[in-house]
Amino acid sequence: MEAAYVPRPASSPWHRAGISARAERRLDIAAAAVVLILVAGWTWSIITAIGGRAPGVTAASASAAMAAAVTSGDATNTAYLTDATLNALVRPLRGASGKLRVEILTPGHAVADSSVAGASLRVADSTRSTVVPRSGIFSVVAALGSALKPVANFTLIGAVPREQKRNGKVGLYYIGNWPGESGGRVRAPSKAPPDRYEPPSGYIEVTQANADTRISDHFTLRNFLTHDQPNVWPKYLVVQMRNVDKLELVLSDLASRGIDVSGVTVMSGFRSPQYNAGGGVTTGRADLSRHMYGDAADIFIDSNHDGRMDDLNHDGRVDIGDSRVILQAVDRVEAAHPELVGGAGVYPAESGHGPFIHIDSRGYRARWVGSGGG
């Protein structure tokens, strides 16, 4: 009789054996939601810590925590090469605008030190070194322990050392000589930082294949080439990334005020000493033009693609008043970033072009209207 005994059903849900299929599904959903919340919170903590936004947590402490975790042996290094880590590695090189996409170095110089402990940026070639091995354009990888991960939208440019210039030429390209290279005295303004008038240490080699390499969100190498020797390749270019950074900040300022800056156009970027002295129309060119030193650009906004400046102030005319709209943005950027102070000149329309503005980062404030100053 005892073998045939069947236990009485439990009197409450808490005493019943097992759960229904429906209840099990609900528990699974709830558990998944908890896990997602924990992952989201962990990710947010890392990102805000690296950005210095979490109260009481700094980028240094976050970096130290990640480095400690990597060396603990409890997790693989690859797990810590997250997008947040990659962004933290590259952030110091992206400038104040956050929109720079290259670092320019002469061969033998190392990539800038990492702000994330235990991690570094390396050249994505067979050596995976932190030192640029030669002239050329290189992809970048992030290294953390034994793990490597490509860095998107950022490259290293190895410049051709100036010692390779012979009789004013690099290869077949005639670039000329900078003031002071032949032993003469450079009459630089006394208020200028001394290094702003030194001959460049190297030149970027630009080929037909790499001319469209993006150096920032809005600009490519091609945008800054001197307008000469059309059939000579490769060409050679000098560009200072501080001025590209300044241009990007100006565009961001304009965009924040509702101006479409997608059609930004560089009329004149780098001008080689040879071209500055005798190429094209030389009216208004300074003997020590900032264009020769790679930290100046003449630009206008042409987002409707009609070949000239847009009506930025919406007064129904395209004239120097639209250049002054950009000048106001330059003034705001320099107030916020005094390390980028420089010259700005507004120019009216002439027979060969519409209105434009010259922007440079010469190291002291200068303003002018019309010819001269740049």
Protein backbone atom coordinates (compact mmCIF):
# COMPACT_ATOMS: atom_id res chain seq x y z
CA MET A 1 0.00 0.00 0.00
CA GLU A 2 2.81 2.40 0.80
CA ALA A 3 4.30 1.87 -2.69
CA ALA A 4 1.12 3.13 -4.25
CA TYR A 5 1.01 6.22 -2.08
CA VAL A 6 0.82 9.43 -4.08
CA PRO A 7 1.90 12.67 -2.32
CA ARG A 8 -0.72 15.34 -1.92
CA PRO A 9 -0.33 18.44 -4.17
CA ALA A 10 1.50 21.37 -2.58
CA SER A 11 -0.81 23.86 -0.99
CA SER A 12 0.99 27.03 -2.36
CA PRO A 13 3.12 28.07 -5.34
CA TRP A 14 6.18 28.26 -3.04
CA HIS A 15 5.92 24.53 -2.25
CA ARG A 16 5.20 23.30 -5.77
CA ALA A 17 8.03 21.41 -7.49
CA GLY A 18 9.40 23.35 -10.54
CA ILE A 19 7.88 26.29 -12.43
CA SER A 20 5.72 26.62 -15.46
CA ALA A 21 7.18 27.25 -18.93
CA ARG A 22 5.62 30.69 -18.93
CA ALA A 23 7.21 31.61 -15.61
CA GLU A 24 10.56 30.29 -16.79
CA ARG A 25 10.44 32.57 -19.83
CA ARG A 26 9.71 35.55 -17.61
CA LEU A 27 12.68 34.74 -15.39
CA ASP A 28 14.96 34.42 -18.43
CA ILE A 29 13.87 37.83 -19.72
CA ALA A 30 14.38 39.43 -16.31
CA ALA A 31 17.85 37.89 -15.95
CA ALA A 32 18.87 39.10 -19.42
CA ALA A 33 17.67 42.60 -18.57
CA VAL A 34 19.78 42.64 -15.39
CA VAL A 35 22.88 41.54 -17.32
CA LEU A 36 22.33 44.23 -19.98
CA ILE A 37 21.97 46.90 -17.29
CA LEU A 38 25.22 45.78 -15.64
CA VAL A 39 27.09 45.79 -18.97
CA ALA A 40 25.73 49.24 -19.87
CA GLY A 41 26.75 50.62 -16.49
CA TRP A 42 30.25 49.14 -16.77
CA THR A 43 30.71 50.57 -20.27
CA TRP A 44 29.44 54.00 -19.22
CA SER A 45 31.82 54.02 -16.25
CA ILE A 46 34.85 53.37 -18.46
CA ILE A 47 33.87 55.97 -21.07
CA THR A 48 33.10 58.71 -18.54
CA ALA A 49 36.19 57.91 -16.50
CA ILE A 50 38.43 58.19 -19.53
CA GLY A 51 36.74 61.44 -20.48
CA GLY A 52 37.24 62.78 -16.96
CA ARG A 53 33.50 63.24 -16.43
CA ALA A 54 32.83 60.78 -13.61
CA PRO A 55 33.02 62.53 -10.18
CA GLY A 56 36.18 61.52 -8.36
CA VAL A 57 37.47 59.36 -11.22
CA THR A 58 40.22 60.52 -13.55
CA ALA A 59 41.55 59.23 -16.84
CA ALA A 60 44.73 58.22 -15.02
CA SER A 61 42.88 56.11 -12.47
CA ALA A 62 40.78 54.49 -15.18
CA SER A 63 43.94 53.73 -17.16
CA ALA A 64 45.61 52.27 -14.11
CA ALA A 65 42.61 50.07 -13.42
CA MET A 66 42.60 48.77 -16.98
CA ALA A 67 46.34 48.12 -16.87
CA ALA A 68 46.01 46.27 -13.58
CA ALA A 69 43.21 44.16 -14.98
CA VAL A 70 45.28 43.29 -18.04
CA THR A 71 48.28 42.14 -16.01
CA SER A 72 46.17 40.18 -13.54
CA GLY A 73 45.85 37.25 -15.93
CA ASP A 74 42.12 37.08 -15.29
CA ALA A 75 41.20 38.44 -18.73
CA THR A 76 42.71 38.70 -22.17
CA ASN A 77 44.26 41.98 -23.32
CA THR A 78 41.97 42.11 -26.32
CA ALA A 79 38.98 42.62 -24.05
CA TYR A 80 40.41 45.96 -22.95
CA LEU A 81 41.08 47.28 -26.46
CA THR A 82 37.57 48.67 -26.60
CA ASP A 83 36.47 51.63 -28.69
CA ALA A 84 36.70 53.75 -25.54
CA THR A 85 40.34 52.71 -25.08
CA LEU A 86 41.17 53.41 -28.72
CA ASN A 87 39.55 56.83 -28.49
CA ALA A 88 41.54 57.62 -25.35
CA LEU A 89 44.77 56.64 -27.10
CA VAL A 90 44.16 58.86 -30.12
CA ARG A 91 42.35 61.75 -28.42
CA PRO A 92 45.51 63.82 -27.68
CA LEU A 93 46.39 63.69 -31.40
CA ARG A 94 42.97 64.77 -32.66
CA GLY A 95 43.50 68.36 -31.55
CA ALA A 96 41.18 70.76 -29.76
CA SER A 97 38.60 70.20 -32.49
CA GLY A 98 38.68 66.43 -32.07
CA LYS A 99 38.70 66.18 -35.88
CA LEU A 100 42.34 65.70 -36.85
CA ARG A 101 43.13 62.38 -38.50
CA VAL A 102 46.91 62.35 -38.90
CA GLU A 103 50.15 62.91 -37.05
CA ILE A 104 53.07 64.11 -39.17
CA LEU A 105 56.58 63.03 -38.14
CA THR A 106 60.00 62.81 -39.75
CA PRO A 107 61.48 59.28 -39.84
CA GLY A 108 63.01 58.18 -36.56
CA HIS A 109 60.55 60.12 -34.42
CA ALA A 110 58.17 58.29 -32.13
CA VAL A 111 54.42 58.53 -32.06
CA ALA A 112 53.13 60.73 -29.24
CA ASP A 113 53.06 59.04 -25.82
CA SER A 114 49.84 57.34 -24.87
CA SER A 115 47.53 58.73 -22.21
CA VAL A 116 46.40 55.20 -21.33
CA ALA A 117 48.76 53.28 -19.08
CA GLY A 118 50.16 50.12 -20.61
CA ALA A 119 48.93 50.91 -24.13
CA SER A 120 50.61 52.50 -27.14
CA LEU A 121 50.06 53.48 -30.75
CA ARG A 122 52.26 51.72 -33.29
CA VAL A 123 52.99 51.78 -36.99
CA ALA A 124 50.97 49.07 -38.73
CA ASP A 125 53.88 47.62 -40.69
CA SER A 126 55.94 44.49 -40.19
CA THR A 127 57.93 46.02 -37.31
CA ARG A 128 54.91 47.43 -35.46
CA SER A 129 57.25 50.00 -33.96
CA THR A 130 56.33 53.20 -32.14
CA VAL A 131 58.83 54.98 -34.42
CA VAL A 132 58.01 56.09 -37.97
CA PRO A 133 60.51 54.08 -40.06
CA ARG A 134 60.58 56.11 -43.30
CA SER A 135 58.63 58.60 -45.35
CA GLY A 136 55.15 57.51 -46.39
CA ILE A 137 51.65 57.09 -45.02
CA PHE A 138 51.01 54.36 -42.46
CA SER A 139 47.98 52.87 -40.78
CA VAL A 140 48.01 52.72 -36.99
CA VAL A 141 47.39 49.91 -34.51
CA ALA A 142 46.79 50.11 -30.79
CA ALA A 143 48.89 47.75 -28.67
CA LEU A 144 48.02 46.60 -25.17
CA GLY A 145 50.14 43.75 -23.91
CA SER A 146 50.22 41.22 -26.73
CA ALA A 147 46.96 42.39 -28.27
CA LEU A 148 46.78 44.60 -31.38
CA LYS A 149 43.77 46.39 -32.81
CA PRO A 150 43.54 48.70 -35.85
CA VAL A 151 42.74 52.35 -35.19
CA ALA A 152 40.14 53.65 -37.63
CA ASN A 153 40.26 57.11 -39.24
CA PHE A 154 43.79 57.91 -38.12
CA THR A 155 47.11 57.62 -39.95
CA LEU A 156 50.76 58.50 -39.49
CA ILE A 157 52.62 60.47 -42.14
CA GLY A 158 56.38 60.12 -42.38
CA ALA A 159 57.72 63.32 -43.95
CA VAL A 160 60.68 63.44 -46.32
CA PRO A 161 63.57 65.05 -44.35
CA ARG A 162 64.62 68.44 -45.70
CA GLU A 163 68.17 67.10 -46.14
CA GLN A 164 66.89 65.32 -49.25
CA LYS A 165 66.31 68.65 -51.01
CA ARG A 166 68.96 69.47 -53.60
CA ASN A 167 69.25 72.86 -55.30
CA GLY A 168 65.73 73.77 -54.26
CA LYS A 169 64.25 70.52 -55.58
CA VAL A 170 62.94 67.34 -54.00
CA GLY A 171 62.99 64.73 -56.70
CA LEU A 172 61.61 66.43 -59.81
CA TYR A 173 59.52 68.92 -57.84
CA TYR A 174 60.91 72.43 -57.50
CA ILE A 175 60.02 73.68 -54.04
CA GLY A 176 62.53 76.52 -53.59
CA ASN A 177 64.36 77.71 -50.49
CA TRP A 178 63.02 79.29 -47.32
CA PRO A 179 64.37 82.57 -45.96
CA GLY A 180 67.39 81.82 -43.82
CA GLU A 181 68.27 78.51 -45.48
CA SER A 182 71.11 80.11 -47.42
CA GLY A 183 72.54 81.83 -44.39
CA GLY A 184 70.66 85.12 -44.72
CA ARG A 185 68.89 86.83 -41.86
CA VAL A 186 65.16 86.34 -41.39
CA ARG A 187 63.42 89.55 -40.36
CA ALA A 188 60.63 87.85 -38.45
CA PRO A 189 58.27 89.94 -36.31
CA SER A 190 59.59 90.24 -32.77
CA LYS A 191 56.25 89.17 -31.30
CA ALA A 192 56.23 85.89 -33.23
CA PRO A 193 57.31 82.63 -31.54
CA PRO A 194 60.85 81.93 -32.84
CA ASP A 195 60.01 78.52 -34.28
CA ARG A 196 57.28 79.91 -36.55
CA TYR A 197 59.83 81.26 -39.02
CA GLU A 198 62.21 78.32 -39.10
CA PRO A 199 62.42 76.32 -42.34
CA PRO A 200 60.30 73.16 -42.13
CA SER A 201 62.08 69.98 -41.05
CA GLY A 202 60.45 67.88 -43.74
CA TYR A 203 57.90 67.69 -46.55
CA ILE A 204 54.95 65.39 -47.13
CA GLU A 205 55.29 63.41 -50.34
CA VAL A 206 51.96 63.58 -52.18
CA THR A 207 51.28 61.19 -55.03
CA GLN A 208 48.25 60.84 -57.28
CA ALA A 209 47.36 57.75 -55.24
CA ASN A 210 47.53 59.32 -51.77
CA ALA A 211 46.45 62.91 -52.54
CA ASP A 212 42.97 62.30 -51.17
CA THR A 213 44.21 61.08 -47.79
CA ARG A 214 41.98 62.75 -45.23
CA ILE A 215 43.96 64.74 -42.66
CA SER A 216 40.86 65.96 -40.81
CA ASP A 217 37.11 65.59 -41.09
CA HIS A 218 36.85 68.30 -43.79
CA PHE A 219 40.29 68.40 -45.45
CA THR A 220 42.60 66.21 -47.53
CA LEU A 221 46.24 66.55 -48.57
CA ARG A 222 45.11 67.63 -52.04
CA ASN A 223 43.33 70.67 -50.58
CA PHE A 224 46.63 72.23 -49.50
CA LEU A 225 48.86 71.55 -52.52
CA THR A 226 50.60 74.45 -54.25
CA HIS A 227 48.91 75.30 -57.57
CA ASP A 228 51.94 74.74 -59.78
CA GLN A 229 53.84 72.13 -61.79
CA PRO A 230 50.63 70.24 -62.70
CA ASN A 231 52.41 67.39 -64.47
CA VAL A 232 55.06 66.77 -61.81
CA TRP A 233 54.41 63.93 -59.36
CA PRO A 234 55.08 63.34 -56.59
CA LYS A 235 54.59 66.82 -55.21
CA TYR A 236 55.75 67.98 -51.79
CA LEU A 237 53.71 69.73 -49.16
CA VAL A 238 54.13 71.46 -45.81
CA VAL A 239 51.08 71.63 -43.55
CA GLN A 240 50.94 72.44 -39.85
CA MET A 241 48.19 70.50 -38.13
CA ARG A 242 47.60 73.29 -35.62
CA ASN A 243 46.11 75.42 -38.39
CA VAL A 244 44.01 72.53 -39.70
CA ASP A 245 42.76 72.18 -36.12
CA LYS A 246 41.92 75.89 -36.08
CA LEU A 247 40.04 75.62 -39.38
CA GLU A 248 38.00 72.72 -38.02
CA LEU A 249 37.14 74.71 -34.89
CA VAL A 250 36.01 77.64 -37.06
CA LEU A 251 33.81 75.33 -39.12
CA SER A 252 32.32 73.81 -35.97
CA ASP A 253 31.56 77.28 -34.66
CA LEU A 254 29.81 78.23 -37.91
CA ALA A 255 27.89 74.95 -37.99
CA SER A 256 26.67 75.54 -34.43
CA ARG A 257 25.08 78.74 -35.75
CA GLY A 258 23.20 76.98 -38.49
CA ILE A 259 25.63 77.53 -41.37
CA ASP A 260 26.15 74.64 -43.78
CA VAL A 261 29.94 74.22 -43.97
CA SER A 262 30.00 71.04 -46.06
CA GLY A 263 31.25 73.03 -49.07
CA VAL A 264 34.33 74.54 -47.44
CA THR A 265 36.87 75.24 -50.18
CA VAL A 266 40.59 75.95 -49.84
CA MET A 267 41.62 78.54 -52.45
CA SER A 268 45.24 78.52 -51.37
CA GLY A 269 46.95 76.34 -48.79
CA PHE A 270 50.68 75.66 -48.90
CA ARG A 271 52.63 77.91 -51.22
CA SER A 272 56.19 76.81 -51.81
CA PRO A 273 58.82 79.56 -51.55
CA GLN A 274 59.39 79.26 -55.29
CA TYR A 275 55.70 79.76 -56.07
CA ASN A 276 55.23 82.48 -53.46
CA ALA A 277 57.96 84.54 -55.12
CA GLY A 278 56.92 84.21 -58.73
CA GLY A 279 54.00 81.89 -59.39
CA GLY A 280 50.56 83.11 -60.39
CA VAL A 281 49.39 86.55 -59.31
CA THR A 282 51.81 87.72 -56.63
CA THR A 283 49.94 90.88 -55.62
CA GLY A 284 49.44 91.01 -51.86
CA ARG A 285 51.80 88.16 -51.01
CA ALA A 286 54.05 88.73 -48.03
CA ASP A 287 57.76 87.92 -48.30
CA LEU A 288 57.36 85.81 -45.15
CA SER A 289 53.91 84.55 -46.06
CA ARG A 290 52.49 82.07 -43.60
CA HIS A 291 51.45 79.98 -46.59
CA MET A 292 55.14 79.09 -47.07
CA TYR A 293 55.28 77.69 -43.54
CA GLY A 294 52.19 75.55 -43.92
CA ASP A 295 50.03 77.21 -41.29
CA ALA A 296 47.77 79.37 -43.45
CA ALA A 297 44.79 78.81 -45.72
CA ASP A 298 42.54 81.04 -47.80
CA ILE A 299 39.03 79.58 -47.65
CA PHE A 300 35.42 80.26 -48.53
CA ILE A 301 32.18 78.36 -47.93
CA ASP A 302 30.49 77.09 -51.09
CA SER A 303 27.86 74.61 -49.96
CA ASN A 304 25.55 75.43 -52.88
CA HIS A 305 28.43 74.56 -55.26
CA ASP A 306 28.24 77.64 -57.49
CA GLY A 307 31.97 78.25 -57.29
CA ARG A 308 31.96 81.20 -54.90
CA MET A 309 31.20 82.18 -51.31
CA ASP A 310 27.70 81.51 -50.01
CA ASP A 311 25.49 84.29 -48.65
CA LEU A 312 26.41 83.55 -45.05
CA ASN A 313 24.81 86.64 -43.51
CA HIS A 314 21.60 86.22 -45.56
CA ASP A 315 21.52 89.80 -46.79
CA GLY A 316 20.85 88.78 -50.38
CA ARG A 317 24.40 89.63 -51.53
CA VAL A 318 27.69 87.74 -51.75
CA ASP A 319 30.41 90.15 -50.68
CA ILE A 320 33.08 90.82 -48.08
CA GLY A 321 30.36 90.86 -45.42
CA ASP A 322 30.15 87.07 -45.77
CA SER A 323 33.91 86.82 -45.17
CA ARG A 324 33.34 88.80 -41.97
CA VAL A 325 30.89 86.15 -40.77
CA ILE A 326 33.80 83.69 -40.84
CA LEU A 327 36.06 86.29 -39.20
CA GLN A 328 33.67 86.47 -36.25
CA ALA A 329 34.02 82.71 -35.86
CA VAL A 330 37.83 83.06 -35.95
CA ASP A 331 37.65 85.63 -33.15
CA ARG A 332 35.51 83.30 -31.03
CA VAL A 333 37.85 80.37 -31.63
CA GLU A 334 40.95 82.40 -30.70
CA ALA A 335 39.25 83.62 -27.53
CA ALA A 336 38.56 80.02 -26.53
CA HIS A 337 41.93 78.67 -27.78
CA PRO A 338 44.63 81.34 -27.37
CA GLU A 339 47.30 78.79 -28.32
CA LEU A 340 45.91 79.01 -31.88
CA VAL A 341 46.03 82.80 -32.17
CA GLY A 342 47.09 84.15 -35.54
CA GLY A 343 46.18 86.23 -38.53
CA ALA A 344 42.88 86.69 -40.33
CA GLY A 345 42.29 88.88 -43.35
CA VAL A 346 39.01 89.38 -45.22
CA TYR A 347 39.09 89.90 -48.97
CA PRO A 348 36.43 91.23 -51.33
CA ALA A 349 35.46 89.69 -54.65
CA GLU A 350 37.66 90.43 -57.65
CA SER A 351 37.55 89.48 -61.32
CA GLY A 352 39.12 86.08 -60.73
CA HIS A 353 37.43 85.04 -57.49
CA GLY A 354 34.70 85.78 -54.98
CA PRO A 355 35.21 86.98 -51.39
CA PHE A 356 37.29 84.82 -49.06
CA ILE A 357 39.15 84.87 -45.77
CA HIS A 358 42.78 84.13 -44.91
CA ILE A 359 43.25 82.21 -41.62
CA ASP A 360 46.62 81.39 -40.05
CA SER A 361 48.14 80.45 -36.69
CA ARG A 362 51.30 82.58 -36.70
CA GLY A 363 51.38 82.90 -32.91
CA TYR A 364 50.24 86.50 -32.53
CA ARG A 365 47.05 88.36 -33.45
CA ALA A 366 46.86 90.14 -36.80
CA ARG A 367 43.85 91.46 -38.70
CA TRP A 368 43.54 93.19 -42.09
CA VAL A 369 41.24 93.90 -44.99
CA GLY A 370 42.23 93.37 -48.61
CA SER A 371 45.75 92.78 -49.90
CA GLY A 372 48.76 92.09 -47.70
CA GLY A 373 49.28 90.49 -44.32
CA GLY A 374 49.16 86.81 -45.26
